[in-house]
PDB file of N, CA and C in Angstrom:
ATOM      1  N   MET A   1      73.527 104.128 101.666  1.00  0.00           N
ATOM      2  CA  MET A   1      74.796 104.189 100.972  1.00  0.00           C
ATOM      3  C   MET A   1      75.475 102.825 101.116  1.00  0.00           C
ATOM      4  N   PRO A   2      75.850 102.215 100.006  1.00  0.00           N
ATOM      5  CA  PRO A   2      76.496 100.895 100.055  1.00  0.00           C
ATOM      6  C   PRO A   2      77.846 100.928 100.781  1.00  0.00           C
ATOM      7  N   TYR A   3      78.159  99.821 101.430  1.00  0.00           N
ATOM      8  CA  TYR A   3      79.391  99.704 102.215  1.00  0.00           C
ATOM      9  C   TYR A   3      80.631 100.021 101.390  1.00  0.00           C
ATOM     10  N   GLU A   4      80.716  99.492 100.177  1.00  0.00           N
ATOM     11  CA  GLU A   4      81.907  99.712  99.339  1.00  0.00           C
ATOM     12  C   GLU A   4      82.098 101.188  99.012  1.00  0.00           C
ATOM     13  N   ARG A   5      81.009 101.905  98.807  1.00  0.00           N
ATOM     14  CA  ARG A   5      81.108 103.344  98.522  1.00  0.00           C
ATOM     15  C   ARG A   5      81.617 104.095  99.751  1.00  0.00           C
ATOM     16  N   ILE A   6      81.111 103.736 100.921  1.00  0.00           N
ATOM     17  CA  ILE A   6      81.575 104.369 102.162  1.00  0.00           C
ATOM     18  C   ILE A   6      83.057 104.066 102.367  1.00  0.00           C
ATOM     19  N   LYS A   7      83.444 102.823 102.143  1.00  0.00           N
ATOM     20  CA  LYS A   7      84.848 102.425 102.312  1.00  0.00           C
ATOM     21  C   LYS A   7      85.758 103.220 101.379  1.00  0.00           C
ATOM     22  N   ARG A   8      85.297 103.470 100.168  1.00  0.00           N
ATOM     23  CA  ARG A   8      86.089 104.196  99.176  1.00  0.00           C
ATOM     24  C   ARG A   8      86.129 105.700  99.474  1.00  0.00           C
ATOM     25  N   GLU A   9      84.979 106.285  99.842  1.00  0.00           N
ATOM     26  CA  GLU A   9      84.883 107.732 100.009  1.00  0.00           C
ATOM     27  C   GLU A   9      85.214 108.222 101.422  1.00  0.00           C
ATOM     28  N   TYR A  10      84.994 107.376 102.425  1.00  0.00           N
ATOM     29  CA  TYR A  10      85.196 107.789 103.819  1.00  0.00           C
ATOM     30  C   TYR A  10      85.976 106.739 104.615  1.00  0.00           C
ATOM     31  N   PRO A  11      87.168 106.388 104.176  1.00  0.00           N
ATOM     32  CA  PRO A  11      87.898 105.315 104.860  1.00  0.00           C
ATOM     33  C   PRO A  11      88.263 105.655 106.307  1.00  0.00           C
ATOM     34  N   LEU A  12      88.527 106.922 106.588  1.00  0.00           N
ATOM     35  CA  LEU A  12      88.881 107.304 107.960  1.00  0.00           C
ATOM     36  C   LEU A  12      87.692 107.115 108.895  1.00  0.00           C
ATOM     37  N   HIS A  13      86.517 107.537 108.448  1.00  0.00           N
ATOM     38  CA  HIS A  13      85.320 107.396 109.267  1.00  0.00           C
ATOM     39  C   HIS A  13      85.004 105.926 109.523  1.00  0.00           C
ATOM     40  N   LEU A  14      85.221 105.108 108.516  1.00  0.00           N
ATOM     41  CA  LEU A  14      84.957 103.681 108.663  1.00  0.00           C
ATOM     42  C   LEU A  14      85.891 103.058 109.703  1.00  0.00           C
ATOM     43  N   CYS A  15      87.143 103.454 109.690  1.00  0.00           N
ATOM     44  CA  CYS A  15      88.100 102.952 110.687  1.00  0.00           C
ATOM     45  C   CYS A  15      87.675 103.342 112.097  1.00  0.00           C
ATOM     46  N   VAL A  16      87.228 104.573 112.254  1.00  0.00           N
ATOM     47  CA  VAL A  16      86.775 105.029 113.572  1.00  0.00           C
ATOM     48  C   VAL A  16      85.527 104.256 113.984  1.00  0.00           C
ATOM     49  N   TRP A  17      84.590 104.099 113.067  1.00  0.00           N
ATOM     50  CA  TRP A  17      83.328 103.408 113.359  1.00  0.00           C
ATOM     51  C   TRP A  17      83.581 101.981 113.850  1.00  0.00           C
ATOM     52  N   PHE A  18      84.536 101.285 113.212  1.00  0.00           N
ATOM     53  CA  PHE A  18      84.836  99.908 113.584  1.00  0.00           C
ATOM     54  C   PHE A  18      85.999  99.793 114.566  1.00  0.00           C
ATOM     55  N   ASN A  19      86.467 100.927 115.092  1.00  0.00           N
ATOM     56  CA  ASN A  19      87.547 100.962 116.074  1.00  0.00           C
ATOM     57  C   ASN A  19      88.806 100.247 115.561  1.00  0.00           C
ATOM     58  N   ASP A  20      89.111 100.469 114.297  1.00  0.00           N
ATOM     59  CA  ASP A  20      90.288  99.862 113.666  1.00  0.00           C
ATOM     60  C   ASP A  20      91.438 100.874 113.725  1.00  0.00           C
ATOM     61  N   TYR A  21      92.040 100.987 114.901  1.00  0.00           N
ATOM     62  CA  TYR A  21      93.048 102.022 115.118  1.00  0.00           C
ATOM     63  C   TYR A  21      94.326 101.788 114.314  1.00  0.00           C
ATOM     64  N   LYS A  22      94.659 100.549 114.033  1.00  0.00           N
ATOM     65  CA  LYS A  22      95.868 100.278 113.240  1.00  0.00           C
ATOM     66  C   LYS A  22      95.695 100.772 111.805  1.00  0.00           C
ATOM     67  N   GLU A  23      94.555 100.477 111.223  1.00  0.00           N
ATOM     68  CA  GLU A  23      94.281 100.939 109.858  1.00  0.00           C
ATOM     69  C   GLU A  23      94.145 102.464 109.836  1.00  0.00           C
ATOM     70  N   LEU A  24      93.521 103.025 110.847  1.00  0.00           N
ATOM     71  CA  LEU A  24      93.382 104.476 110.944  1.00  0.00           C
ATOM     72  C   LEU A  24      94.755 105.135 111.012  1.00  0.00           C
ATOM     73  N   ASP A  25      95.637 104.588 111.803  1.00  0.00           N
ATOM     74  CA  ASP A  25      96.993 105.128 111.899  1.00  0.00           C
ATOM     75  C   ASP A  25      97.705 105.068 110.552  1.00  0.00           C
ATOM     76  N   ARG A  26      97.513 103.979 109.834  1.00  0.00           N
ATOM     77  CA  ARG A  26      98.121 103.841 108.510  1.00  0.00           C
ATOM     78  C   ARG A  26      97.601 104.922 107.559  1.00  0.00           C
ATOM     79  N   TYR A  27      96.301 105.151 107.567  1.00  0.00           N
ATOM     80  CA  TYR A  27      95.723 106.200 106.723  1.00  0.00           C
ATOM     81  C   TYR A  27      96.256 107.577 107.105  1.00  0.00           C
ATOM     82  N   LEU A  28      96.376 107.835 108.389  1.00  0.00           N
ATOM     83  CA  LEU A  28      96.844 109.153 108.834  1.00  0.00           C
ATOM     84  C   LEU A  28      98.321 109.368 108.512  1.00  0.00           C
ATOM     85  N   GLN A  29      99.116 108.313 108.508  1.00  0.00           N
ATOM     86  CA  GLN A  29     100.534 108.429 108.174  1.00  0.00           C
ATOM     87  C   GLN A  29     100.750 108.764 106.703  1.00  0.00           C
ATOM     88  N   THR A  30      99.867 108.279 105.831  1.00  0.00           N
ATOM     89  CA  THR A  30     100.031 108.528 104.398  1.00  0.00           C
ATOM     90  C   THR A  30      99.560 109.923 104.019  1.00  0.00           C
ATOM     91  N   SER A  31      98.676 110.518 104.805  1.00  0.00           N
ATOM     92  CA  SER A  31      98.105 111.856 104.595  1.00  0.00           C
ATOM     93  C   SER A  31      97.610 112.085 103.165  1.00  0.00           C
ATOM     94  N   GLU A  32      97.063 111.033 102.570  1.00  0.00           N
ATOM     95  CA  GLU A  32      96.462 111.190 101.253  1.00  0.00           C
ATOM     96  C   GLU A  32      94.950 111.376 101.354  1.00  0.00           C
ATOM     97  N   HIS A  33      94.429 111.389 102.578  1.00  0.00           N
ATOM     98  CA  HIS A  33      92.998 111.539 102.786  1.00  0.00           C
ATOM     99  C   HIS A  33      92.706 112.869 103.465  1.00  0.00           C
ATOM    100  N   ASP A  34      91.576 113.434 103.120  1.00  0.00           N
ATOM    101  CA  ASP A  34      91.144 114.700 103.692  1.00  0.00           C
ATOM    102  C   ASP A  34      90.543 114.442 105.074  1.00  0.00           C
ATOM    103  N   ILE A  35      91.299 114.746 106.125  1.00  0.00           N
ATOM    104  CA  ILE A  35      90.817 114.463 107.480  1.00  0.00           C
ATOM    105  C   ILE A  35      89.704 115.415 107.907  1.00  0.00           C
ATOM    106  N   GLU A  36      89.458 116.474 107.159  1.00  0.00           N
ATOM    107  CA  GLU A  36      88.392 117.425 107.473  1.00  0.00           C
ATOM    108  C   GLU A  36      87.086 117.099 106.759  1.00  0.00           C
ATOM    109  N   ARG A  37      87.070 116.084 105.913  1.00  0.00           N
ATOM    110  CA  ARG A  37      85.875 115.740 105.153  1.00  0.00           C
ATOM    111  C   ARG A  37      84.800 115.203 106.080  1.00  0.00           C
ATOM    112  N   LYS A  38      83.597 115.732 105.932  1.00  0.00           N
ATOM    113  CA  LYS A  38      82.479 115.289 106.765  1.00  0.00           C
ATOM    114  C   LYS A  38      81.916 113.981 106.237  1.00  0.00           C
ATOM    115  N   ASP A  39      81.408 113.167 107.158  1.00  0.00           N
ATOM    116  CA  ASP A  39      80.800 111.915 106.733  1.00  0.00           C
ATOM    117  C   ASP A  39      79.396 112.190 106.180  1.00  0.00           C
ATOM    118  N   PRO A  40      78.725 111.194 105.611  1.00  0.00           N
ATOM    119  CA  PRO A  40      77.431 111.415 104.966  1.00  0.00           C
ATOM    120  C   PRO A  40      76.352 111.943 105.908  1.00  0.00           C
ATOM    121  N   ARG A  41      76.512 111.734 107.193  1.00  0.00           N
ATOM    122  CA  ARG A  41      75.500 112.190 108.149  1.00  0.00           C
ATOM    123  C   ARG A  41      75.778 113.597 108.664  1.00  0.00           C
ATOM    124  N   GLY A  42      76.860 114.211 108.193  1.00  0.00           N
ATOM    125  CA  GLY A  42      77.156 115.591 108.585  1.00  0.00           C
ATOM    126  C   GLY A  42      78.214 115.638 109.588  1.00  0.00           C
TER     127      GLY A  42
END
């Protein structure tokens, strides 16, 4: 799966993977992302 597709479809998982807690916090504050969505590996 290409990086850009992962970034677009799973931004929360990407933040966790790269330990980007500031960006993760920003995503969680906006609550426009499904925090229950599973990543491509299950």
